[in-house]
Every structure is written in structure tokens, then in C-alpha cells.
Amino acid sequence: MLTRGGKGARRALAGVGLALLLVAGATVPAAAALRADPGAGCPPDQPDCSVWDDEPGNPGNPGGGGDDGGGGDDGGGGGVCQWNGRTIPCYDEDLGWFNSGDGCYYKLTEGPVEPPEGEQWYLQTCNGGDLGAQDVVLLDAPPPGFGAPPDPEELARRALASISLLPAPLKVAPRKSVGPGLVGLPVWMWAAPSTSYFGPLTASASDRGVTVSIEAKVDRIVWDMGNDEHVTCDGPGTPYDPKGDRAGRTSPDCGYDEGYSKAGTYEVTATTHWTVTWRGGGESGEILVTRNSGIVQIQINELQVVTR
């Protein structure tokens, strides 16, 4: 009859079991290959959508609860201001600089007559930039906030918005679409090791003589194994080779070595943590960004042994 084997029996068959179960990974049909287009399935003009393996499952949230880096294009690099509960650019190329004290933009302009010494004409656009309320006014000093230099961090975010930080496609072995794994056997995890998914990616943004450069690269991937346990990997991991030297053994750099303790179907996801470093305008800093991949399922069965 068939009975559950003990821990010793499971370990004795571990290498053989994993190797046999995962050899099937070499025969996955071409139709199930990883999507070559990193933006496949994305809406128009939205390259940062979820990316998954050939078992899409449920798409994840590309932002992942981290800073998505899309701090917004303020139109002029002068930061963002608040007026009447809405966010507006502190600088606008057409309107000039915003004065939060009176809710008006000010821009140097020509007046009806030559201004007295020490005074200048300004185009005043009030009500937070309402173009229906413009006047030419004479001031003896620039209004508060006028002529402030661009904010380097805002330029960094503008540069970040110009590139795509994609979630890494997931690969696991064993995988439900190929065949089940066994309780107590190691699991391998990896992702496509391309620049698109791990960096480094670079970009820059300039405004009024200030240039800020950024470099984005992945710091780590945190794998959620679907059973309240997590594995952190420093890199993309190593693809499983059912005919390689480590077949049936643990992954050298990214694996769930102890395997699952119970049979069942587990949904594996991963969060890619990007670090964006920026420098320019006499300042430097970091912006942290996360991207969530979709779900890949793993089927785990109990190891059965025959006793007489």
C-alpha cells in the first residue's frame, strides 16, 4: 500500500525527485515562452505595467507602495505649490513665479511707460493662474519667491519620469504549468537578467542652467513564497538547469532552500526594489521605487513511498 514516507525517505529521494520533476522544464512549448516585449499587454503610453512569466495569474501593482518616481512635471522645474486645495507649479514658463501670499503669478514684462528707477513692471496672473484675471502692475521689489532656482530633486523626478523601471518577470522551478514539486525539496527562483529589469538606467533633466543626472538600478528582489515566508535575493538569480551540475540541489544564489512543509498550491510574487541616485545643482540624494510582478503558481505534493 501507499503511505507517507518519513523525513529520511524524503531526503533520500530529494535529488532524484527534484531532477525528474524539473526535467520537464526543458520541454515547455514555444507558445509558453516568456513575453519578449516588456510592455506586452500594457495600455497605450503606460510602459510600467505588470510583467509576468508564461503563467500570468493576477497582475500586480507596478507601484508596489513605494515612491513611483513620478512626482509630476511642474512645467518649469520650480517645484510645486498649493493654492485653494490644488497643486500648481511654482514656476510656469508663460506666467512666471507663484507668490503663495496672494495666489498670483508674476513675470517681468513691459509696461505702458518707463518704470521709475528701482521699480519694474510685472504681468500679474492671480487666482492660482486663472488667465481671465491678468494685470500689469508696478512693483518696487520682486514678490516673494520670484526668481528662485529650480529644485534639483524635482529635476531628478522629471528625469525619472522619462525612463521605465519595469517589474521583473518571474521564473520558478518547480512550476505548476510544468509539473508539481514535492514537500521539503528546494525551490529555485530567478528573473530575466536584463538592463531593462535591473539597470543601471540613466537619464538627466535640465532647467535654467541646472542639470540633474540620475542612475537607477535594482538593489534587491523580495520574493513572497505564498506561505507568509519571504526570500531576499541580491540579484536576478540563476536559471534552473535540469541537466546541470546542481540539478536536484539548492540554488547557488536565489532559492527557497528548505522548500514547502505542506502540500498545496502556492502563489509566488516578487517585489523589485530600485534605488535611484541623483546628483546636480550642488545637491544629491536617493529616490526609492518598487515594482511588483504578477503571480506564478507552484503545486507541491506529498512525497509517497511504497512499503511492503
C-alpha atoms as a PDB file:
ATOM      1  CA  MET A   1       0.000   0.000   0.000  1.00  0.00           C
ATOM      2  CA  LEU A   2       0.996   3.675  -0.240  1.00  0.00           C
ATOM      3  CA  THR A   3       1.945   5.509   2.937  1.00  0.00           C
ATOM      4  CA  ARG A   4       3.667   8.783   3.712  1.00  0.00           C
ATOM      5  CA  GLY A   5       7.413   8.419   3.986  1.00  0.00           C
ATOM      6  CA  GLY A   6       9.410   9.896   6.852  1.00  0.00           C
ATOM      7  CA  LYS A   7      11.905  12.763   6.687  1.00  0.00           C
ATOM      8  CA  GLY A   8      14.749  10.382   5.911  1.00  0.00           C
ATOM      9  CA  ALA A   9      12.893   8.907   2.972  1.00  0.00           C
ATOM     10  CA  ARG A  10      12.073  12.360   1.635  1.00  0.00           C
ATOM     11  CA  ARG A  11      15.678  13.491   1.845  1.00  0.00           C
ATOM     12  CA  ALA A  12      16.926  10.238   0.305  1.00  0.00           C
ATOM     13  CA  LEU A  13      14.782  10.834  -2.752  1.00  0.00           C
ATOM     14  CA  ALA A  14      15.238  14.613  -2.821  1.00  0.00           C
ATOM     15  CA  GLY A  15      17.832  14.796  -5.592  1.00  0.00           C
ATOM     16  CA  VAL A  16      16.074  12.247  -7.789  1.00  0.00           C
ATOM     17  CA  GLY A  17      12.629  13.718  -7.179  1.00  0.00           C
ATOM     18  CA  LEU A  18      13.552  17.311  -7.986  1.00  0.00           C
ATOM     19  CA  ALA A  19      15.607  16.353 -11.007  1.00  0.00           C
ATOM     20  CA  LEU A  20      12.828  14.201 -12.503  1.00  0.00           C
ATOM     21  CA  LEU A  21      10.101  16.717 -11.828  1.00  0.00           C
ATOM     22  CA  LEU A  22      12.027  19.627 -13.287  1.00  0.00           C
ATOM     23  CA  VAL A  23      13.412  17.954 -16.394  1.00  0.00           C
ATOM     24  CA  ALA A  24      10.024  18.754 -17.885  1.00  0.00           C
ATOM     25  CA  GLY A  25      11.028  22.414 -17.784  1.00  0.00           C
ATOM     26  CA  ALA A  26      13.217  21.824 -20.827  1.00  0.00           C
ATOM     27  CA  THR A  27      10.212  20.812 -22.905  1.00  0.00           C
ATOM     28  CA  VAL A  28       7.947  23.815 -22.370  1.00  0.00           C
ATOM     29  CA  PRO A  29       6.381  24.651 -25.749  1.00  0.00           C
ATOM     30  CA  ALA A  30       7.446  27.781 -27.557  1.00  0.00           C
ATOM     31  CA  ALA A  31       3.982  29.276 -27.131  1.00  0.00           C
ATOM     32  CA  ALA A  32       4.610  29.379 -23.397  1.00  0.00           C
ATOM     33  CA  ALA A  33       7.894  31.271 -23.683  1.00  0.00           C
ATOM     34  CA  LEU A  34       8.489  34.474 -21.775  1.00  0.00           C
ATOM     35  CA  ARG A  35       6.999  37.518 -23.449  1.00  0.00           C
ATOM     36  CA  ALA A  36       9.738  39.293 -25.346  1.00  0.00           C
ATOM     37  CA  ASP A  37       8.086  42.713 -25.259  1.00  0.00           C
ATOM     38  CA  PRO A  38       8.481  44.189 -21.751  1.00  0.00           C
ATOM     39  CA  GLY A  39       5.417  46.318 -22.402  1.00  0.00           C
ATOM     40  CA  ALA A  40       3.244  43.498 -23.710  1.00  0.00           C
ATOM     41  CA  GLY A  41      -0.320  43.938 -22.562  1.00  0.00           C
ATOM     42  CA  CYS A  42       0.289  47.469 -21.273  1.00  0.00           C
ATOM     43  CA  PRO A  43      -2.192  50.264 -22.013  1.00  0.00           C
ATOM     44  CA  PRO A  44      -1.014  52.927 -24.516  1.00  0.00           C
ATOM     45  CA  ASP A  45       1.585  55.316 -23.073  1.00  0.00           C
ATOM     46  CA  GLN A  46       1.929  53.199 -19.929  1.00  0.00           C
ATOM     47  CA  PRO A  47       5.080  51.057 -20.173  1.00  0.00           C
ATOM     48  CA  ASP A  48       5.296  50.452 -16.406  1.00  0.00           C
ATOM     49  CA  CYS A  49       2.518  47.895 -16.112  1.00  0.00           C
ATOM     50  CA  SER A  50       2.882  44.449 -14.567  1.00  0.00           C
ATOM     51  CA  VAL A  51       5.101  41.885 -16.262  1.00  0.00           C
ATOM     52  CA  TRP A  52       4.835  38.198 -15.578  1.00  0.00           C
ATOM     53  CA  ASP A  53       6.005  34.811 -16.734  1.00  0.00           C
ATOM     54  CA  ASP A  54       4.063  32.474 -19.051  1.00  0.00           C
ATOM     55  CA  GLU A  55       1.592  31.821 -16.207  1.00  0.00           C
ATOM     56  CA  PRO A  56       0.190  35.328 -15.826  1.00  0.00           C
ATOM     57  CA  GLY A  57      -2.139  34.772 -12.893  1.00  0.00           C
ATOM     58  CA  ASN A  58      -3.208  38.126 -11.478  1.00  0.00           C
ATOM     59  CA  PRO A  59      -1.335  41.286 -12.449  1.00  0.00           C
ATOM     60  CA  GLY A  60       0.318  43.169  -9.623  1.00  0.00           C
ATOM     61  CA  ASN A  61       0.563  46.833  -8.757  1.00  0.00           C
ATOM     62  CA  PRO A  62       3.565  48.326 -10.549  1.00  0.00           C
ATOM     63  CA  GLY A  63       3.999  50.982  -7.889  1.00  0.00           C
ATOM     64  CA  GLY A  64       4.100  48.456  -5.063  1.00  0.00           C
ATOM     65  CA  GLY A  65       3.527  51.007  -2.325  1.00  0.00           C
ATOM     66  CA  GLY A  66       6.893  52.666  -2.895  1.00  0.00           C
ATOM     67  CA  ASP A  67       7.745  56.008  -4.395  1.00  0.00           C
ATOM     68  CA  ASP A  68       6.778  55.699  -8.046  1.00  0.00           C
ATOM     69  CA  GLY A  69       9.167  58.467  -9.016  1.00  0.00           C
ATOM     70  CA  GLY A  70       6.504  60.249 -10.982  1.00  0.00           C
ATOM     71  CA  GLY A  71       6.492  63.354  -8.824  1.00  0.00           C
ATOM     72  CA  GLY A  72       4.925  65.202 -11.717  1.00  0.00           C
ATOM     73  CA  ASP A  73       6.202  67.614 -14.305  1.00  0.00           C
ATOM     74  CA  ASP A  74       5.763  71.033 -12.805  1.00  0.00           C
ATOM     75  CA  GLY A  75       6.109  72.718 -16.181  1.00  0.00           C
ATOM     76  CA  GLY A  76       9.177  74.696 -15.258  1.00  0.00           C
ATOM     77  CA  GLY A  77      11.327  72.927 -12.717  1.00  0.00           C
ATOM     78  CA  GLY A  78      10.488  75.281  -9.849  1.00  0.00           C
ATOM     79  CA  GLY A  79       8.814  72.772  -7.575  1.00  0.00           C
ATOM     80  CA  VAL A  80       5.128  72.522  -6.742  1.00  0.00           C
ATOM     81  CA  CYS A  81       2.934  74.920  -4.731  1.00  0.00           C
ATOM     82  CA  GLN A  82      -0.552  74.748  -3.223  1.00  0.00           C
ATOM     83  CA  TRP A  83      -3.463  77.102  -3.845  1.00  0.00           C
ATOM     84  CA  ASN A  84      -7.084  76.594  -2.804  1.00  0.00           C
ATOM     85  CA  GLY A  85      -6.515  72.899  -2.233  1.00  0.00           C
ATOM     86  CA  ARG A  86      -4.910  72.169  -5.590  1.00  0.00           C
ATOM     87  CA  THR A  87      -1.300  71.588  -6.603  1.00  0.00           C
ATOM     88  CA  ILE A  88       0.158  74.010  -9.133  1.00  0.00           C
ATOM     89  CA  PRO A  89       3.708  74.626 -10.436  1.00  0.00           C
ATOM     90  CA  CYS A  90       5.706  77.238  -8.532  1.00  0.00           C
ATOM     91  CA  TYR A  91       7.112  78.364 -11.872  1.00  0.00           C
ATOM     92  CA  ASP A  92       5.411  78.499 -15.252  1.00  0.00           C
ATOM     93  CA  GLU A  93       7.208  79.494 -18.447  1.00  0.00           C
ATOM     94  CA  ASP A  94       4.298  81.699 -19.527  1.00  0.00           C
ATOM     95  CA  LEU A  95       3.138  83.066 -16.174  1.00  0.00           C
ATOM     96  CA  GLY A  96       6.375  83.340 -14.195  1.00  0.00           C
ATOM     97  CA  TRP A  97       6.761  82.730 -10.448  1.00  0.00           C
ATOM     98  CA  PHE A  98       3.978  81.986  -7.998  1.00  0.00           C
ATOM     99  CA  ASN A  99       3.557  84.039  -4.794  1.00  0.00           C
ATOM    100  CA  SER A 100       1.729  81.905  -2.237  1.00  0.00           C
ATOM    101  CA  GLY A 101       0.997  85.026  -0.188  1.00  0.00           C
ATOM    102  CA  ASP A 102      -1.545  86.396  -2.676  1.00  0.00           C
ATOM    103  CA  GLY A 103      -2.098  83.463  -5.037  1.00  0.00           C
ATOM    104  CA  CYS A 104      -0.697  85.300  -8.066  1.00  0.00           C
ATOM    105  CA  TYR A 105       1.989  84.568 -10.652  1.00  0.00           C
ATOM    106  CA  TYR A 106       4.452  87.333 -11.573  1.00  0.00           C
ATOM    107  CA  LYS A 107       6.526  87.692 -14.712  1.00  0.00           C
ATOM    108  CA  LEU A 108       8.661  90.627 -15.843  1.00  0.00           C
ATOM    109  CA  THR A 109       7.036  92.487 -18.715  1.00  0.00           C
ATOM    110  CA  GLU A 110       6.941  95.845 -20.485  1.00  0.00           C
ATOM    111  CA  GLY A 111       4.569  98.466 -19.088  1.00  0.00           C
ATOM    112  CA  PRO A 112       2.765 101.410 -20.627  1.00  0.00           C
ATOM    113  CA  VAL A 113       5.608 103.792 -19.635  1.00  0.00           C
ATOM    114  CA  GLU A 114       9.198 103.561 -18.479  1.00  0.00           C
ATOM    115  CA  PRO A 115       9.208 102.449 -14.830  1.00  0.00           C
ATOM    116  CA  PRO A 116      10.694 104.760 -12.194  1.00  0.00           C
ATOM    117  CA  GLU A 117      14.214 103.957 -11.025  1.00  0.00           C
ATOM    118  CA  GLY A 118      14.247 100.881  -8.797  1.00  0.00           C
ATOM    119  CA  GLU A 119      10.817  99.651  -9.953  1.00  0.00           C
ATOM    120  CA  GLN A 120       9.726  97.118 -12.574  1.00  0.00           C
ATOM    121  CA  TRP A 121       6.589  96.116 -14.435  1.00  0.00           C
ATOM    122  CA  TYR A 122       5.194  92.638 -13.829  1.00  0.00           C
ATOM    123  CA  LEU A 123       2.476  90.636 -15.518  1.00  0.00           C
ATOM    124  CA  GLN A 124       0.277  89.564 -12.611  1.00  0.00           C
ATOM    125  CA  THR A 125      -1.933  86.484 -13.023  1.00  0.00           C
ATOM    126  CA  CYS A 126      -3.993  85.818  -9.907  1.00  0.00           C
ATOM    127  CA  ASN A 127      -6.301  83.121  -8.591  1.00  0.00           C
ATOM    128  CA  GLY A 128      -3.647  80.464  -8.981  1.00  0.00           C
ATOM    129  CA  GLY A 129      -3.018  81.171 -12.663  1.00  0.00           C
ATOM    130  CA  ASP A 130      -6.532  81.933 -13.902  1.00  0.00           C
ATOM    131  CA  LEU A 131      -5.829  83.513 -17.286  1.00  0.00           C
ATOM    132  CA  GLY A 132      -9.006  85.571 -17.015  1.00  0.00           C
ATOM    133  CA  ALA A 133      -7.535  87.696 -14.226  1.00  0.00           C
ATOM    134  CA  GLN A 134      -4.334  89.326 -15.547  1.00  0.00           C
ATOM    135  CA  ASP A 135      -2.975  92.804 -14.861  1.00  0.00           C
ATOM    136  CA  VAL A 136       0.255  94.700 -15.448  1.00  0.00           C
ATOM    137  CA  VAL A 137       1.474  96.030 -12.101  1.00  0.00           C
ATOM    138  CA  LEU A 138       4.395  98.190 -10.973  1.00  0.00           C
ATOM    139  CA  LEU A 139       6.420  96.883  -8.036  1.00  0.00           C
ATOM    140  CA  ASP A 140       9.450  98.316  -6.228  1.00  0.00           C
ATOM    141  CA  ALA A 141      10.769  94.849  -5.331  1.00  0.00           C
ATOM    142  CA  PRO A 142      10.349  91.304  -6.659  1.00  0.00           C
ATOM    143  CA  PRO A 143       7.459  89.454  -4.965  1.00  0.00           C
ATOM    144  CA  PRO A 144       8.266  86.603  -2.562  1.00  0.00           C
ATOM    145  CA  GLY A 145       9.531  83.510  -4.322  1.00  0.00           C
ATOM    146  CA  PHE A 146      10.386  85.307  -7.545  1.00  0.00           C
ATOM    147  CA  GLY A 147      13.491  84.023  -9.360  1.00  0.00           C
ATOM    148  CA  ALA A 148      14.121  81.014  -7.096  1.00  0.00           C
ATOM    149  CA  PRO A 149      16.456  78.441  -8.699  1.00  0.00           C
ATOM    150  CA  PRO A 150      14.987  75.126  -9.887  1.00  0.00           C
ATOM    151  CA  ASP A 151      14.652  72.404  -7.273  1.00  0.00           C
ATOM    152  CA  PRO A 152      17.257  69.678  -8.060  1.00  0.00           C
ATOM    153  CA  GLU A 153      15.074  66.914  -6.621  1.00  0.00           C
ATOM    154  CA  GLU A 154      12.168  67.990  -8.827  1.00  0.00           C
ATOM    155  CA  LEU A 155      14.510  67.802 -11.818  1.00  0.00           C
ATOM    156  CA  ALA A 156      15.572  64.328 -10.651  1.00  0.00           C
ATOM    157  CA  ARG A 157      11.937  63.228 -10.601  1.00  0.00           C
ATOM    158  CA  ARG A 158      11.405  64.688 -14.046  1.00  0.00           C
ATOM    159  CA  ALA A 159      14.382  62.666 -15.314  1.00  0.00           C
ATOM    160  CA  LEU A 160      12.995  59.560 -13.592  1.00  0.00           C
ATOM    161  CA  ALA A 161       9.630  60.047 -15.289  1.00  0.00           C
ATOM    162  CA  SER A 162      11.400  59.839 -18.653  1.00  0.00           C
ATOM    163  CA  ILE A 163      12.551  56.227 -18.145  1.00  0.00           C
ATOM    164  CA  SER A 164      10.719  52.971 -17.399  1.00  0.00           C
ATOM    165  CA  LEU A 165      11.510  50.888 -14.323  1.00  0.00           C
ATOM    166  CA  LEU A 166       9.860  47.582 -15.165  1.00  0.00           C
ATOM    167  CA  PRO A 167       8.877  44.782 -12.773  1.00  0.00           C
ATOM    168  CA  ALA A 168      10.984  41.693 -13.316  1.00  0.00           C
ATOM    169  CA  PRO A 169       9.310  38.656 -14.986  1.00  0.00           C
ATOM    170  CA  LEU A 170       9.283  35.704 -12.608  1.00  0.00           C
ATOM    171  CA  LYS A 171      10.638  32.200 -13.169  1.00  0.00           C
ATOM    172  CA  VAL A 172      10.423  29.386 -10.645  1.00  0.00           C
ATOM    173  CA  ALA A 173      11.209  25.704 -10.548  1.00  0.00           C
ATOM    174  CA  PRO A 174       9.150  23.653  -9.938  1.00  0.00           C
ATOM    175  CA  ARG A 175       6.252  25.403 -11.660  1.00  0.00           C
ATOM    176  CA  LYS A 176       2.602  24.350 -11.723  1.00  0.00           C
ATOM    177  CA  SER A 177       2.301  24.568 -15.515  1.00  0.00           C
ATOM    178  CA  VAL A 178       5.217  22.120 -15.902  1.00  0.00           C
ATOM    179  CA  GLY A 179       4.703  19.721 -13.028  1.00  0.00           C
ATOM    180  CA  PRO A 180       4.363  19.532  -9.237  1.00  0.00           C
ATOM    181  CA  GLY A 181       7.164  19.786  -6.733  1.00  0.00           C
ATOM    182  CA  LEU A 182       7.489  17.850  -3.514  1.00  0.00           C
ATOM    183  CA  VAL A 183       7.317  18.763   0.151  1.00  0.00           C
ATOM    184  CA  GLY A 184      10.740  19.532   1.579  1.00  0.00           C
ATOM    185  CA  LEU A 185      12.554  19.945  -1.737  1.00  0.00           C
ATOM    186  CA  PRO A 186      14.340  23.184  -2.681  1.00  0.00           C
ATOM    187  CA  VAL A 187      12.729  25.773  -4.934  1.00  0.00           C
ATOM    188  CA  TRP A 188      14.666  27.901  -7.424  1.00  0.00           C
ATOM    189  CA  MET A 189      13.656  31.495  -8.275  1.00  0.00           C
ATOM    190  CA  TRP A 190      15.062  33.796 -10.919  1.00  0.00           C
ATOM    191  CA  ALA A 191      14.202  36.666 -13.264  1.00  0.00           C
ATOM    192  CA  ALA A 192      15.368  37.826 -16.681  1.00  0.00           C
ATOM    193  CA  PRO A 193      18.811  39.413 -16.038  1.00  0.00           C
ATOM    194  CA  SER A 194      18.466  42.326 -18.461  1.00  0.00           C
ATOM    195  CA  THR A 195      19.212  46.021 -18.078  1.00  0.00           C
ATOM    196  CA  SER A 196      15.504  46.776 -18.552  1.00  0.00           C
ATOM    197  CA  TYR A 197      14.691  44.896 -15.347  1.00  0.00           C
ATOM    198  CA  PHE A 198      17.786  45.505 -13.222  1.00  0.00           C
ATOM    199  CA  GLY A 199      19.609  48.571 -14.599  1.00  0.00           C
ATOM    200  CA  PRO A 200      21.660  50.565 -14.488  1.00  0.00           C
ATOM    201  CA  LEU A 201      19.473  53.037 -16.369  1.00  0.00           C
ATOM    202  CA  THR A 202      20.474  56.680 -16.692  1.00  0.00           C
ATOM    203  CA  ALA A 203      18.741  59.936 -17.593  1.00  0.00           C
ATOM    204  CA  SER A 204      19.023  63.662 -16.957  1.00  0.00           C
ATOM    205  CA  ALA A 205      16.890  66.810 -16.893  1.00  0.00           C
ATOM    206  CA  SER A 206      17.904  70.460 -17.197  1.00  0.00           C
ATOM    207  CA  ASP A 207      16.306  73.795 -16.451  1.00  0.00           C
ATOM    208  CA  ARG A 208      17.772  77.319 -16.380  1.00  0.00           C
ATOM    209  CA  GLY A 209      21.379  76.221 -16.225  1.00  0.00           C
ATOM    210  CA  VAL A 210      20.879  73.396 -13.705  1.00  0.00           C
ATOM    211  CA  THR A 211      21.287  69.772 -14.848  1.00  0.00           C
ATOM    212  CA  VAL A 212      20.498  66.767 -12.681  1.00  0.00           C
ATOM    213  CA  SER A 213      21.583  63.246 -13.652  1.00  0.00           C
ATOM    214  CA  ILE A 214      20.122  60.019 -12.287  1.00  0.00           C
ATOM    215  CA  GLU A 215      21.131  56.361 -12.232  1.00  0.00           C
ATOM    216  CA  ALA A 216      18.562  53.678 -11.416  1.00  0.00           C
ATOM    217  CA  LYS A 217      19.413  50.102 -10.531  1.00  0.00           C
ATOM    218  CA  VAL A 218      17.862  47.252  -8.590  1.00  0.00           C
ATOM    219  CA  ASP A 219      19.044  46.824  -5.035  1.00  0.00           C
ATOM    220  CA  ARG A 220      17.219  43.561  -4.252  1.00  0.00           C
ATOM    221  CA  ILE A 221      14.220  41.383  -5.027  1.00  0.00           C
ATOM    222  CA  VAL A 222      11.989  40.201  -2.186  1.00  0.00           C
ATOM    223  CA  TRP A 223      10.117  37.021  -3.083  1.00  0.00           C
ATOM    224  CA  ASP A 224       6.830  36.254  -1.346  1.00  0.00           C
ATOM    225  CA  MET A 225       6.552  32.478  -1.362  1.00  0.00           C
ATOM    226  CA  GLY A 226       2.792  32.486  -0.747  1.00  0.00           C
ATOM    227  CA  ASN A 227       3.022  30.957   2.730  1.00  0.00           C
ATOM    228  CA  ASP A 228       3.921  34.064   4.794  1.00  0.00           C
ATOM    229  CA  GLU A 229       7.608  33.456   4.172  1.00  0.00           C
ATOM    230  CA  HIS A 230       9.905  35.739   2.172  1.00  0.00           C
ATOM    231  CA  VAL A 231      13.269  35.290   0.483  1.00  0.00           C
ATOM    232  CA  THR A 232      15.506  38.265  -0.345  1.00  0.00           C
ATOM    233  CA  CYS A 233      17.866  37.953  -3.320  1.00  0.00           C
ATOM    234  CA  ASP A 234      20.572  40.463  -4.227  1.00  0.00           C
ATOM    235  CA  GLY A 235      20.412  39.711  -7.953  1.00  0.00           C
ATOM    236  CA  PRO A 236      18.284  38.074 -10.639  1.00  0.00           C
ATOM    237  CA  GLY A 237      19.134  34.541  -9.544  1.00  0.00           C
ATOM    238  CA  THR A 238      20.298  31.541 -11.577  1.00  0.00           C
ATOM    239  CA  PRO A 239      18.016  29.711 -14.065  1.00  0.00           C
ATOM    240  CA  TYR A 240      17.396  26.097 -13.155  1.00  0.00           C
ATOM    241  CA  ASP A 241      19.041  23.580 -15.496  1.00  0.00           C
ATOM    242  CA  PRO A 242      17.596  20.066 -15.110  1.00  0.00           C
ATOM    243  CA  LYS A 243      20.761  18.670 -16.693  1.00  0.00           C
ATOM    244  CA  GLY A 244      23.238  20.903 -14.863  1.00  0.00           C
ATOM    245  CA  ASP A 245      25.646  20.102 -12.039  1.00  0.00           C
ATOM    246  CA  ARG A 246      23.235  21.479  -9.426  1.00  0.00           C
ATOM    247  CA  ALA A 247      20.141  19.637 -10.655  1.00  0.00           C
ATOM    248  CA  GLY A 248      18.178  18.427  -7.637  1.00  0.00           C
ATOM    249  CA  ARG A 249      20.186  20.680  -5.289  1.00  0.00           C
ATOM    250  CA  THR A 250      19.701  24.185  -3.910  1.00  0.00           C
ATOM    251  CA  SER A 251      20.096  27.348  -5.985  1.00  0.00           C
ATOM    252  CA  PRO A 252      23.528  28.981  -5.619  1.00  0.00           C
ATOM    253  CA  ASP A 253      22.126  32.473  -5.130  1.00  0.00           C
ATOM    254  CA  CYS A 254      18.316  32.728  -5.051  1.00  0.00           C
ATOM    255  CA  GLY A 255      16.298  29.857  -3.687  1.00  0.00           C
ATOM    256  CA  TYR A 256      13.857  28.673  -1.074  1.00  0.00           C
ATOM    257  CA  ASP A 257      16.238  26.041   0.192  1.00  0.00           C
ATOM    258  CA  GLU A 258      14.069  24.280   2.771  1.00  0.00           C
ATOM    259  CA  GLY A 259      11.095  24.082   0.428  1.00  0.00           C
ATOM    260  CA  TYR A 260       7.467  23.928   1.455  1.00  0.00           C
ATOM    261  CA  SER A 261       6.447  21.997   4.545  1.00  0.00           C
ATOM    262  CA  LYS A 262       2.914  21.229   3.357  1.00  0.00           C
ATOM    263  CA  ALA A 263       1.317  20.135   0.121  1.00  0.00           C
ATOM    264  CA  GLY A 264      -0.798  22.673  -1.729  1.00  0.00           C
ATOM    265  CA  THR A 265      -0.845  25.332  -4.427  1.00  0.00           C
ATOM    266  CA  TYR A 266       1.210  28.424  -3.614  1.00  0.00           C
ATOM    267  CA  GLU A 267       1.104  31.791  -5.358  1.00  0.00           C
ATOM    268  CA  VAL A 268       4.578  33.313  -5.643  1.00  0.00           C
ATOM    269  CA  THR A 269       5.104  37.033  -6.224  1.00  0.00           C
ATOM    270  CA  ALA A 270       8.115  39.322  -6.074  1.00  0.00           C
ATOM    271  CA  THR A 271       8.803  42.984  -5.328  1.00  0.00           C
ATOM    272  CA  THR A 272      11.751  44.585  -7.109  1.00  0.00           C
ATOM    273  CA  HIS A 273      13.379  47.387  -5.118  1.00  0.00           C
ATOM    274  CA  TRP A 274      15.026  50.086  -7.250  1.00  0.00           C
ATOM    275  CA  THR A 275      17.381  52.750  -5.891  1.00  0.00           C
ATOM    276  CA  VAL A 276      17.575  55.921  -7.965  1.00  0.00           C
ATOM    277  CA  THR A 277      20.574  58.093  -7.101  1.00  0.00           C
ATOM    278  CA  TRP A 278      20.645  61.677  -8.365  1.00  0.00           C
ATOM    279  CA  ARG A 279      23.206  64.457  -8.428  1.00  0.00           C
ATOM    280  CA  GLY A 280      23.159  68.029  -9.684  1.00  0.00           C
ATOM    281  CA  GLY A 281      22.622  71.634  -8.697  1.00  0.00           C
ATOM    282  CA  GLY A 282      25.081  71.220  -5.835  1.00  0.00           C
ATOM    283  CA  GLU A 283      22.911  68.529  -4.223  1.00  0.00           C
ATOM    284  CA  SER A 284      22.467  64.757  -4.295  1.00  0.00           C
ATOM    285  CA  GLY A 285      20.026  62.197  -2.984  1.00  0.00           C
ATOM    286  CA  GLU A 286      18.120  58.968  -3.486  1.00  0.00           C
ATOM    287  CA  ILE A 287      14.614  58.057  -4.618  1.00  0.00           C
ATOM    288  CA  LEU A 288      13.342  54.586  -3.714  1.00  0.00           C
ATOM    289  CA  VAL A 289      10.989  52.859  -6.146  1.00  0.00           C
ATOM    290  CA  THR A 290       9.307  49.434  -6.070  1.00  0.00           C
ATOM    291  CA  ARG A 291       7.770  47.371  -8.844  1.00  0.00           C
ATOM    292  CA  ASN A 292       5.532  44.326  -8.245  1.00  0.00           C
ATOM    293  CA  SER A 293       5.491  41.357 -10.588  1.00  0.00           C
ATOM    294  CA  GLY A 294       2.477  39.147 -11.239  1.00  0.00           C
ATOM    295  CA  ILE A 295       1.733  35.738  -9.779  1.00  0.00           C
ATOM    296  CA  VAL A 296       3.357  32.412 -10.602  1.00  0.00           C
ATOM    297  CA  GLN A 297       1.840  29.284  -9.070  1.00  0.00           C
ATOM    298  CA  ILE A 298       3.720  26.337  -7.573  1.00  0.00           C
ATOM    299  CA  GLN A 299       1.995  22.994  -6.961  1.00  0.00           C
ATOM    300  CA  ILE A 300       3.527  20.995  -4.105  1.00  0.00           C
ATOM    301  CA  ASN A 301       2.643  17.346  -3.476  1.00  0.00           C
ATOM    302  CA  GLU A 302       3.453  14.966  -0.645  1.00  0.00           C
ATOM    303  CA  LEU A 303       6.260  12.519  -1.352  1.00  0.00           C
ATOM    304  CA  GLN A 304       4.826   8.996  -1.483  1.00  0.00           C
ATOM    305  CA  VAL A 305       6.880   5.850  -0.909  1.00  0.00           C
ATOM    306  CA  VAL A 306       5.880   2.203  -1.330  1.00  0.00           C
ATOM    307  CA  THR A 307       6.144  -0.062   1.700  1.00  0.00           C
ATOM    308  CA  ARG A 308       5.575  -3.786   1.925  1.00  0.00           C
END
